[in-house]
Every structure is written in structure tokens, then in C-alpha cells.
mmCIF file of all heavy atoms, coordinates in Angstrom:
data_MODEL
# 
_entry.id   MODEL 
# 
loop_
_atom_site.group_PDB 
_atom_site.id 
_atom_site.type_symbol 
_atom_site.label_atom_id 
_atom_site.label_alt_id 
_atom_site.label_comp_id 
_atom_site.label_asym_id 
_atom_site.label_entity_id 
_atom_site.label_seq_id 
_atom_site.pdbx_PDB_ins_code 
_atom_site.Cartn_x 
_atom_site.Cartn_y 
_atom_site.Cartn_z 
_atom_site.occupancy 
_atom_site.B_iso_or_equiv 
_atom_site.pdbx_formal_charge 
_atom_site.auth_seq_id 
_atom_site.auth_comp_id 
_atom_site.auth_asym_id 
_atom_site.auth_atom_id 
_atom_site.pdbx_PDB_model_num 
ATOM 1   N N   . ALA A 1 1  ? -33.440 -7.254 -109.393 1.00 0.00 ? 1  ALA A N   1 
ATOM 2   C CA  . ALA A 1 1  ? -33.768 -8.380 -108.540 1.00 0.00 ? 1  ALA A CA  1 
ATOM 3   C C   . ALA A 1 1  ? -33.015 -8.289 -107.212 1.00 0.00 ? 1  ALA A C   1 
ATOM 4   O O   . ALA A 1 1  ? -33.580 -8.570 -106.143 1.00 0.00 ? 1  ALA A O   1 
ATOM 5   C CB  . ALA A 1 1  ? -33.425 -9.683 -109.250 1.00 0.00 ? 1  ALA A CB  1 
ATOM 6   N N   . ASP A 1 2  ? -31.744 -7.893 -107.248 1.00 0.00 ? 2  ASP A N   1 
ATOM 7   C CA  . ASP A 1 2  ? -30.963 -7.748 -106.018 1.00 0.00 ? 2  ASP A CA  1 
ATOM 8   C C   . ASP A 1 2  ? -31.545 -6.664 -105.120 1.00 0.00 ? 2  ASP A C   1 
ATOM 9   O O   . ASP A 1 2  ? -31.620 -6.813 -103.896 1.00 0.00 ? 2  ASP A O   1 
ATOM 10  C CB  . ASP A 1 2  ? -29.508 -7.430 -106.352 1.00 0.00 ? 2  ASP A CB  1 
ATOM 11  C CG  . ASP A 1 2  ? -28.760 -8.631 -106.918 1.00 0.00 ? 2  ASP A CG  1 
ATOM 12  O OD1 . ASP A 1 2  ? -29.267 -9.751 -106.769 1.00 0.00 ? 2  ASP A OD1 1 
ATOM 13  O OD2 . ASP A 1 2  ? -27.679 -8.412 -107.506 1.00 0.00 ? 2  ASP A OD2 1 
ATOM 14  N N   . TRP A 1 3  ? -31.973 -5.554 -105.730 1.00 0.00 ? 3  TRP A N   1 
ATOM 15  C CA  . TRP A 1 3  ? -32.542 -4.457 -104.948 1.00 0.00 ? 3  TRP A CA  1 
ATOM 16  C C   . TRP A 1 3  ? -33.851 -4.894 -104.294 1.00 0.00 ? 3  TRP A C   1 
ATOM 17  O O   . TRP A 1 3  ? -34.100 -4.605 -103.118 1.00 0.00 ? 3  TRP A O   1 
ATOM 18  C CB  . TRP A 1 3  ? -32.779 -3.233 -105.832 1.00 0.00 ? 3  TRP A CB  1 
ATOM 19  C CG  . TRP A 1 3  ? -33.197 -2.015 -105.034 1.00 0.00 ? 3  TRP A CG  1 
ATOM 20  C CD1 . TRP A 1 3  ? -32.393 -1.087 -104.458 1.00 0.00 ? 3  TRP A CD1 1 
ATOM 21  C CD2 . TRP A 1 3  ? -34.544 -1.627 -104.719 1.00 0.00 ? 3  TRP A CD2 1 
ATOM 22  N NE1 . TRP A 1 3  ? -33.143 -0.146 -103.804 1.00 0.00 ? 3  TRP A NE1 1 
ATOM 23  C CE2 . TRP A 1 3  ? -34.462 -0.434 -103.961 1.00 0.00 ? 3  TRP A CE2 1 
ATOM 24  C CE3 . TRP A 1 3  ? -35.799 -2.159 -105.025 1.00 0.00 ? 3  TRP A CE3 1 
ATOM 25  C CZ2 . TRP A 1 3  ? -35.601 0.215  -103.479 1.00 0.00 ? 3  TRP A CZ2 1 
ATOM 26  C CZ3 . TRP A 1 3  ? -36.929 -1.508 -104.543 1.00 0.00 ? 3  TRP A CZ3 1 
ATOM 27  C CH2 . TRP A 1 3  ? -36.833 -0.336 -103.769 1.00 0.00 ? 3  TRP A CH2 1 
ATOM 28  N N   . LEU A 1 4  ? -34.675 -5.595 -105.036 1.00 0.00 ? 4  LEU A N   1 
ATOM 29  C CA  . LEU A 1 4  ? -35.931 -6.101 -104.464 1.00 0.00 ? 4  LEU A CA  1 
ATOM 30  C C   . LEU A 1 4  ? -35.680 -7.086 -103.333 1.00 0.00 ? 4  LEU A C   1 
ATOM 31  O O   . LEU A 1 4  ? -36.380 -7.094 -102.315 1.00 0.00 ? 4  LEU A O   1 
ATOM 32  C CB  . LEU A 1 4  ? -36.783 -6.737 -105.566 1.00 0.00 ? 4  LEU A CB  1 
ATOM 33  C CG  . LEU A 1 4  ? -37.449 -5.762 -106.534 1.00 0.00 ? 4  LEU A CG  1 
ATOM 34  C CD1 . LEU A 1 4  ? -37.975 -6.499 -107.755 1.00 0.00 ? 4  LEU A CD1 1 
ATOM 35  C CD2 . LEU A 1 4  ? -38.583 -5.011 -105.859 1.00 0.00 ? 4  LEU A CD2 1 
ATOM 36  N N   . ALA A 1 5  ? -34.651 -7.934 -103.507 1.00 0.00 ? 5  ALA A N   1 
ATOM 37  C CA  . ALA A 1 5  ? -34.314 -8.878 -102.459 1.00 0.00 ? 5  ALA A CA  1 
ATOM 38  C C   . ALA A 1 5  ? -33.822 -8.172 -101.201 1.00 0.00 ? 5  ALA A C   1 
ATOM 39  O O   . ALA A 1 5  ? -34.135 -8.586 -100.089 1.00 0.00 ? 5  ALA A O   1 
ATOM 40  C CB  . ALA A 1 5  ? -33.244 -9.847 -102.962 1.00 0.00 ? 5  ALA A CB  1 
ATOM 41  N N   . ALA A 1 6  ? -33.100 -7.075 -101.382 1.00 0.00 ? 6  ALA A N   1 
ATOM 42  C CA  . ALA A 1 6  ? -32.568 -6.332 -100.247 1.00 0.00 ? 6  ALA A CA  1 
ATOM 43  C C   . ALA A 1 6  ? -33.610 -5.414 -99.602  1.00 0.00 ? 6  ALA A C   1 
ATOM 44  O O   . ALA A 1 6  ? -33.394 -4.911 -98.499  1.00 0.00 ? 6  ALA A O   1 
ATOM 45  C CB  . ALA A 1 6  ? -31.361 -5.507 -100.677 1.00 0.00 ? 6  ALA A CB  1 
ATOM 46  N N   . ASN A 1 7  ? -34.736 -5.209 -100.297 1.00 0.00 ? 7  ASN A N   1 
ATOM 47  C CA  . ASN A 1 7  ? -35.803 -4.350 -99.790  1.00 0.00 ? 7  ASN A CA  1 
ATOM 48  C C   . ASN A 1 7  ? -37.138 -5.091 -99.870  1.00 0.00 ? 7  ASN A C   1 
ATOM 49  O O   . ASN A 1 7  ? -38.015 -4.771 -100.676 1.00 0.00 ? 7  ASN A O   1 
ATOM 50  C CB  . ASN A 1 7  ? -35.874 -3.050 -100.617 1.00 0.00 ? 7  ASN A CB  1 
ATOM 51  C CG  . ASN A 1 7  ? -34.620 -2.213 -100.507 1.00 0.00 ? 7  ASN A CG  1 
ATOM 52  O OD1 . ASN A 1 7  ? -34.502 -1.389 -99.597  1.00 0.00 ? 7  ASN A OD1 1 
ATOM 53  N ND2 . ASN A 1 7  ? -33.668 -2.429 -101.392 1.00 0.00 ? 7  ASN A ND2 1 
ATOM 54  N N   . PRO A 1 8  ? -37.302 -6.114 -99.040  1.00 0.00 ? 8  PRO A N   1 
ATOM 55  C CA  . PRO A 1 8  ? -38.443 -7.014 -99.168  1.00 0.00 ? 8  PRO A CA  1 
ATOM 56  C C   . PRO A 1 8  ? -39.789 -6.356 -98.934  1.00 0.00 ? 8  PRO A C   1 
ATOM 57  O O   . PRO A 1 8  ? -40.818 -6.930 -99.298  1.00 0.00 ? 8  PRO A O   1 
ATOM 58  C CB  . PRO A 1 8  ? -38.174 -8.107 -98.110  1.00 0.00 ? 8  PRO A CB  1 
ATOM 59  C CG  . PRO A 1 8  ? -37.258 -7.446 -97.142  1.00 0.00 ? 8  PRO A CG  1 
ATOM 60  C CD  . PRO A 1 8  ? -36.406 -6.514 -97.934  1.00 0.00 ? 8  PRO A CD  1 
ATOM 61  N N   . ASN A 1 9  ? -39.833 -5.173 -98.346  1.00 0.00 ? 9  ASN A N   1 
ATOM 62  C CA  . ASN A 1 9  ? -41.115 -4.476 -98.112  1.00 0.00 ? 9  ASN A CA  1 
ATOM 63  C C   . ASN A 1 9  ? -41.478 -3.505 -99.220  1.00 0.00 ? 9  ASN A C   1 
ATOM 64  O O   . ASN A 1 9  ? -42.506 -2.839 -99.137  1.00 0.00 ? 9  ASN A O   1 
ATOM 65  C CB  . ASN A 1 9  ? -41.065 -3.734 -96.773  1.00 0.00 ? 9  ASN A CB  1 
ATOM 66  C CG  . ASN A 1 9  ? -40.920 -4.683 -95.602  1.00 0.00 ? 9  ASN A CG  1 
ATOM 67  O OD1 . ASN A 1 9  ? -41.511 -5.759 -95.593  1.00 0.00 ? 9  ASN A OD1 1 
ATOM 68  N ND2 . ASN A 1 9  ? -40.146 -4.281 -94.603  1.00 0.00 ? 9  ASN A ND2 1 
ATOM 69  N N   . LYS A 1 10 ? -40.649 -3.427 -100.242 1.00 0.00 ? 10 LYS A N   1 
ATOM 70  C CA  . LYS A 1 10 ? -40.877 -2.486 -101.326 1.00 0.00 ? 10 LYS A CA  1 
ATOM 71  C C   . LYS A 1 10 ? -41.520 -3.173 -102.529 1.00 0.00 ? 10 LYS A C   1 
ATOM 72  O O   . LYS A 1 10 ? -41.283 -4.365 -102.765 1.00 0.00 ? 10 LYS A O   1 
ATOM 73  C CB  . LYS A 1 10 ? -39.568 -1.836 -101.786 1.00 0.00 ? 10 LYS A CB  1 
ATOM 74  C CG  . LYS A 1 10 ? -38.869 -0.996 -100.706 1.00 0.00 ? 10 LYS A CG  1 
ATOM 75  C CD  . LYS A 1 10 ? -39.651 0.254  -100.389 1.00 0.00 ? 10 LYS A CD  1 
ATOM 76  C CE  . LYS A 1 10 ? -38.859 1.168  -99.438  1.00 0.00 ? 10 LYS A CE  1 
ATOM 77  N NZ  . LYS A 1 10 ? -39.619 2.393  -99.095  1.00 0.00 ? 10 LYS A NZ  1 
ATOM 78  N N   . ARG A 1 11 ? -42.308 -2.426 -103.276 1.00 0.00 ? 11 ARG A N   1 
ATOM 79  C CA  . ARG A 1 11 ? -42.871 -2.876 -104.545 1.00 0.00 ? 11 ARG A CA  1 
ATOM 80  C C   . ARG A 1 11 ? -42.484 -1.904 -105.631 1.00 0.00 ? 11 ARG A C   1 
ATOM 81  O O   . ARG A 1 11 ? -42.184 -0.744 -105.350 1.00 0.00 ? 11 ARG A O   1 
ATOM 82  C CB  . ARG A 1 11 ? -44.396 -2.981 -104.452 1.00 0.00 ? 11 ARG A CB  1 
ATOM 83  C CG  . ARG A 1 11 ? -44.878 -4.113 -103.562 1.00 0.00 ? 11 ARG A CG  1 
ATOM 84  C CD  . ARG A 1 11 ? -46.395 -4.090 -103.378 1.00 0.00 ? 11 ARG A CD  1 
ATOM 85  N NE  . ARG A 1 11 ? -46.889 -5.317 -102.762 1.00 0.00 ? 11 ARG A NE  1 
ATOM 86  C CZ  . ARG A 1 11 ? -46.854 -5.552 -101.470 1.00 0.00 ? 11 ARG A CZ  1 
ATOM 87  N NH1 . ARG A 1 11 ? -46.325 -4.646 -100.664 1.00 0.00 ? 11 ARG A NH1 1 
ATOM 88  N NH2 . ARG A 1 11 ? -47.316 -6.689 -100.971 1.00 0.00 ? 11 ARG A NH2 1 
ATOM 89  N N   . VAL A 1 12 ? -42.468 -2.366 -106.869 1.00 0.00 ? 12 VAL A N   1 
ATOM 90  C CA  . VAL A 1 12 ? -42.090 -1.499 -107.974 1.00 0.00 ? 12 VAL A CA  1 
ATOM 91  C C   . VAL A 1 12 ? -43.129 -1.549 -109.092 1.00 0.00 ? 12 VAL A C   1 
ATOM 92  O O   . VAL A 1 12 ? -43.894 -2.507 -109.186 1.00 0.00 ? 12 VAL A O   1 
ATOM 93  C CB  . VAL A 1 12 ? -40.694 -1.885 -108.561 1.00 0.00 ? 12 VAL A CB  1 
ATOM 94  C CG1 . VAL A 1 12 ? -39.608 -1.684 -107.520 1.00 0.00 ? 12 VAL A CG1 1 
ATOM 95  C CG2 . VAL A 1 12 ? -40.696 -3.308 -109.058 1.00 0.00 ? 12 VAL A CG2 1 
ATOM 96  N N   . THR A 1 13 ? -43.115 -0.503 -109.905 1.00 0.00 ? 13 THR A N   1 
ATOM 97  C CA  . THR A 1 13 ? -43.967 -0.437 -111.088 1.00 0.00 ? 13 THR A CA  1 
ATOM 98  C C   . THR A 1 13 ? -43.081 -0.287 -112.323 1.00 0.00 ? 13 THR A C   1 
ATOM 99  O O   . THR A 1 13 ? -42.219 0.583  -112.369 1.00 0.00 ? 13 THR A O   1 
ATOM 100 C CB  . THR A 1 13 ? -44.937 0.771  -111.010 1.00 0.00 ? 13 THR A CB  1 
ATOM 101 O OG1 . THR A 1 13 ? -45.795 0.617  -109.874 1.00 0.00 ? 13 THR A OG1 1 
ATOM 102 C CG2 . THR A 1 13 ? -45.781 0.851  -112.268 1.00 0.00 ? 13 THR A CG2 1 
ATOM 103 N N   . ILE A 1 14 ? -43.280 -1.168 -113.274 1.00 0.00 ? 14 ILE A N   1 
ATOM 104 C CA  . ILE A 1 14 ? -42.555 -1.122 -114.538 1.00 0.00 ? 14 ILE A CA  1 
ATOM 105 C C   . ILE A 1 14 ? -43.454 -0.459 -115.582 1.00 0.00 ? 14 ILE A C   1 
ATOM 106 O O   . ILE A 1 14 ? -44.618 -0.854 -115.763 1.00 0.00 ? 14 ILE A O   1 
ATOM 107 C CB  . ILE A 1 14 ? -42.170 -2.527 -115.017 1.00 0.00 ? 14 ILE A CB  1 
ATOM 108 C CG1 . ILE A 1 14 ? -41.252 -3.206 -113.984 1.00 0.00 ? 14 ILE A CG1 1 
ATOM 109 C CG2 . ILE A 1 14 ? -41.485 -2.498 -116.378 1.00 0.00 ? 14 ILE A CG2 1 
ATOM 110 C CD1 . ILE A 1 14 ? -41.077 -4.677 -114.224 1.00 0.00 ? 14 ILE A CD1 1 
ATOM 111 N N   . THR A 1 15 ? -42.922 0.559  -116.247 1.00 0.00 ? 15 THR A N   1 
ATOM 112 C CA  . THR A 1 15 ? -43.682 1.289  -117.265 1.00 0.00 ? 15 THR A CA  1 
ATOM 113 C C   . THR A 1 15 ? -43.045 1.053  -118.626 1.00 0.00 ? 15 THR A C   1 
ATOM 114 O O   . THR A 1 15 ? -41.848 1.299  -118.793 1.00 0.00 ? 15 THR A O   1 
ATOM 115 C CB  . THR A 1 15 ? -43.715 2.787  -116.956 1.00 0.00 ? 15 THR A CB  1 
ATOM 116 O OG1 . THR A 1 15 ? -44.270 2.993  -115.663 1.00 0.00 ? 15 THR A OG1 1 
ATOM 117 C CG2 . THR A 1 15 ? -44.584 3.513  -117.979 1.00 0.00 ? 15 THR A CG2 1 
ATOM 118 N N   . GLY A 1 16 ? -43.852 0.597  -119.585 1.00 0.00 ? 16 GLY A N   1 
ATOM 119 C CA  . GLY A 1 16 ? -43.384 0.397  -120.940 1.00 0.00 ? 16 GLY A CA  1 
ATOM 120 C C   . GLY A 1 16 ? -43.605 1.633  -121.793 1.00 0.00 ? 16 GLY A C   1 
ATOM 121 O O   . GLY A 1 16 ? -44.602 2.330  -121.644 1.00 0.00 ? 16 GLY A O   1 
ATOM 122 N N   . HIS A 1 17 ? -42.645 1.922  -122.692 1.00 0.00 ? 17 HIS A N   1 
ATOM 123 C CA  . HIS A 1 17 ? -42.748 3.056  -123.599 1.00 0.00 ? 17 HIS A CA  1 
ATOM 124 C C   . HIS A 1 17 ? -42.443 2.598  -125.020 1.00 0.00 ? 17 HIS A C   1 
ATOM 125 O O   . HIS A 1 17 ? -41.636 1.668  -125.218 1.00 0.00 ? 17 HIS A O   1 
ATOM 126 C CB  . HIS A 1 17 ? -41.763 4.163  -123.208 1.00 0.00 ? 17 HIS A CB  1 
ATOM 127 C CG  . HIS A 1 17 ? -41.991 4.737  -121.860 1.00 0.00 ? 17 HIS A CG  1 
ATOM 128 N ND1 . HIS A 1 17 ? -42.815 5.833  -121.633 1.00 0.00 ? 17 HIS A ND1 1 
ATOM 129 C CD2 . HIS A 1 17 ? -41.520 4.388  -120.629 1.00 0.00 ? 17 HIS A CD2 1 
ATOM 130 C CE1 . HIS A 1 17 ? -42.830 6.118  -120.329 1.00 0.00 ? 17 HIS A CE1 1 
ATOM 131 N NE2 . HIS A 1 17 ? -42.044 5.247  -119.713 1.00 0.00 ? 17 HIS A NE2 1 
ATOM 132 N N   . THR A 1 18 ? -43.065 3.227  -125.994 1.00 0.00 ? 18 THR A N   1 
ATOM 133 C CA  . THR A 1 18 ? -42.821 2.915  -127.404 1.00 0.00 ? 18 THR A CA  1 
ATOM 134 C C   . THR A 1 18 ? -42.349 4.150  -128.130 1.00 0.00 ? 18 THR A C   1 
ATOM 135 O O   . THR A 1 18 ? -42.348 5.270  -127.594 1.00 0.00 ? 18 THR A O   1 
ATOM 136 C CB  . THR A 1 18 ? -44.101 2.415  -128.092 1.00 0.00 ? 18 THR A CB  1 
ATOM 137 O OG1 . THR A 1 18 ? -45.036 3.494  -128.192 1.00 0.00 ? 18 THR A OG1 1 
ATOM 138 C CG2 . THR A 1 18 ? -44.745 1.254  -127.321 1.00 0.00 ? 18 THR A CG2 1 
ATOM 139 N N   . ASP A 1 19 ? -41.953 3.949  -129.400 1.00 0.00 ? 19 ASP A N   1 
ATOM 140 C CA  . ASP A 1 19 ? -41.730 5.103  -130.267 1.00 0.00 ? 19 ASP A CA  1 
ATOM 141 C C   . ASP A 1 19 ? -43.081 5.479  -130.880 1.00 0.00 ? 19 ASP A C   1 
ATOM 142 O O   . ASP A 1 19 ? -44.129 4.961  -130.487 1.00 0.00 ? 19 ASP A O   1 
ATOM 143 C CB  . ASP A 1 19 ? -40.672 4.775  -131.324 1.00 0.00 ? 19 ASP A CB  1 
ATOM 144 C CG  . ASP A 1 19 ? -41.057 3.580  -132.197 1.00 0.00 ? 19 ASP A CG  1 
ATOM 145 O OD1 . ASP A 1 19 ? -42.263 3.368  -132.420 1.00 0.00 ? 19 ASP A OD1 1 
ATOM 146 O OD2 . ASP A 1 19 ? -40.145 2.857  -132.652 1.00 0.00 ? 19 ASP A OD2 1 
ATOM 147 N N   . THR A 1 20 ? -43.055 6.391  -131.849 1.00 0.00 ? 20 THR A N   1 
ATOM 148 C CA  . THR A 1 20 ? -44.306 6.906  -132.402 1.00 0.00 ? 20 THR A CA  1 
ATOM 149 C C   . THR A 1 20 ? -44.788 6.142  -133.627 1.00 0.00 ? 20 THR A C   1 
ATOM 150 O O   . THR A 1 20 ? -45.765 6.524  -134.246 1.00 0.00 ? 20 THR A O   1 
ATOM 151 C CB  . THR A 1 20 ? -44.148 8.387  -132.772 1.00 0.00 ? 20 THR A CB  1 
ATOM 152 O OG1 . THR A 1 20 ? -42.974 8.545  -133.584 1.00 0.00 ? 20 THR A OG1 1 
ATOM 153 C CG2 . THR A 1 20 ? -44.018 9.251  -131.528 1.00 0.00 ? 20 THR A CG2 1 
ATOM 154 N N   . SER A 1 21 ? -44.137 5.040  -133.944 1.00 0.00 ? 21 SER A N   1 
ATOM 155 C CA  . SER A 1 21 ? -44.588 4.208  -135.060 1.00 0.00 ? 21 SER A CA  1 
ATOM 156 C C   . SER A 1 21 ? -45.933 3.571  -134.682 1.00 0.00 ? 21 SER A C   1 
ATOM 157 O O   . SER A 1 21 ? -46.104 3.096  -133.556 1.00 0.00 ? 21 SER A O   1 
ATOM 158 C CB  . SER A 1 21 ? -43.576 3.107  -135.370 1.00 0.00 ? 21 SER A CB  1 
ATOM 159 O OG  . SER A 1 21 ? -42.309 3.670  -135.667 1.00 0.00 ? 21 SER A OG  1 
ATOM 160 N N   . GLY A 1 22 ? -46.871 3.557  -135.613 1.00 0.00 ? 22 GLY A N   1 
ATOM 161 C CA  . GLY A 1 22 ? -48.159 2.908  -135.344 1.00 0.00 ? 22 GLY A CA  1 
ATOM 162 C C   . GLY A 1 22 ? -49.166 3.854  -134.711 1.00 0.00 ? 22 GLY A C   1 
ATOM 163 O O   . GLY A 1 22 ? -48.910 5.036  -134.462 1.00 0.00 ? 22 GLY A O   1 
ATOM 164 N N   . GLN A 1 23 ? -50.362 3.303  -134.433 1.00 0.00 ? 23 GLN A N   1 
ATOM 165 C CA  . GLN A 1 23 ? -51.450 4.071  -133.858 1.00 0.00 ? 23 GLN A CA  1 
ATOM 166 C C   . GLN A 1 23 ? -51.260 4.211  -132.336 1.00 0.00 ? 23 GLN A C   1 
ATOM 167 O O   . GLN A 1 23 ? -50.700 3.320  -131.676 1.00 0.00 ? 23 GLN A O   1 
ATOM 168 C CB  . GLN A 1 23 ? -52.787 3.377  -134.135 1.00 0.00 ? 23 GLN A CB  1 
ATOM 169 C CG  . GLN A 1 23 ? -53.107 3.244  -135.621 1.00 0.00 ? 23 GLN A CG  1 
ATOM 170 C CD  . GLN A 1 23 ? -53.240 4.593  -136.293 1.00 0.00 ? 23 GLN A CD  1 
ATOM 171 O OE1 . GLN A 1 23 ? -53.917 5.500  -135.777 1.00 0.00 ? 23 GLN A OE1 1 
ATOM 172 N NE2 . GLN A 1 23 ? -52.586 4.762  -137.443 1.00 0.00 ? 23 GLN A NE2 1 
ATOM 173 N N   . ALA A 1 24 ? -51.778 5.287  -131.795 1.00 0.00 ? 24 ALA A N   1 
ATOM 174 C CA  . ALA A 1 24 ? -51.603 5.573  -130.356 1.00 0.00 ? 24 ALA A CA  1 
ATOM 175 C C   . ALA A 1 24 ? -52.139 4.449  -129.483 1.00 0.00 ? 24 ALA A C   1 
ATOM 176 O O   . ALA A 1 24 ? -51.498 4.013  -128.534 1.00 0.00 ? 24 ALA A O   1 
ATOM 177 C CB  . ALA A 1 24 ? -52.247 6.898  -130.012 1.00 0.00 ? 24 ALA A CB  1 
# 
């Protein structure tokens, strides 16, 4: 949040990852 506040012209992408339990 601090980095985004200090860089108001930037956008970010959050990527979620899982383990291999369950179906793909």
C-alpha cells in the first residue's frame, strides 16, 4: 500500500498460486 501511494501512476497485478491438491 505504501509503494502504491508513493507511485500513484503505477498499477500492479496480483497472481494467486495453489499447491497441486485438487483438480487443475
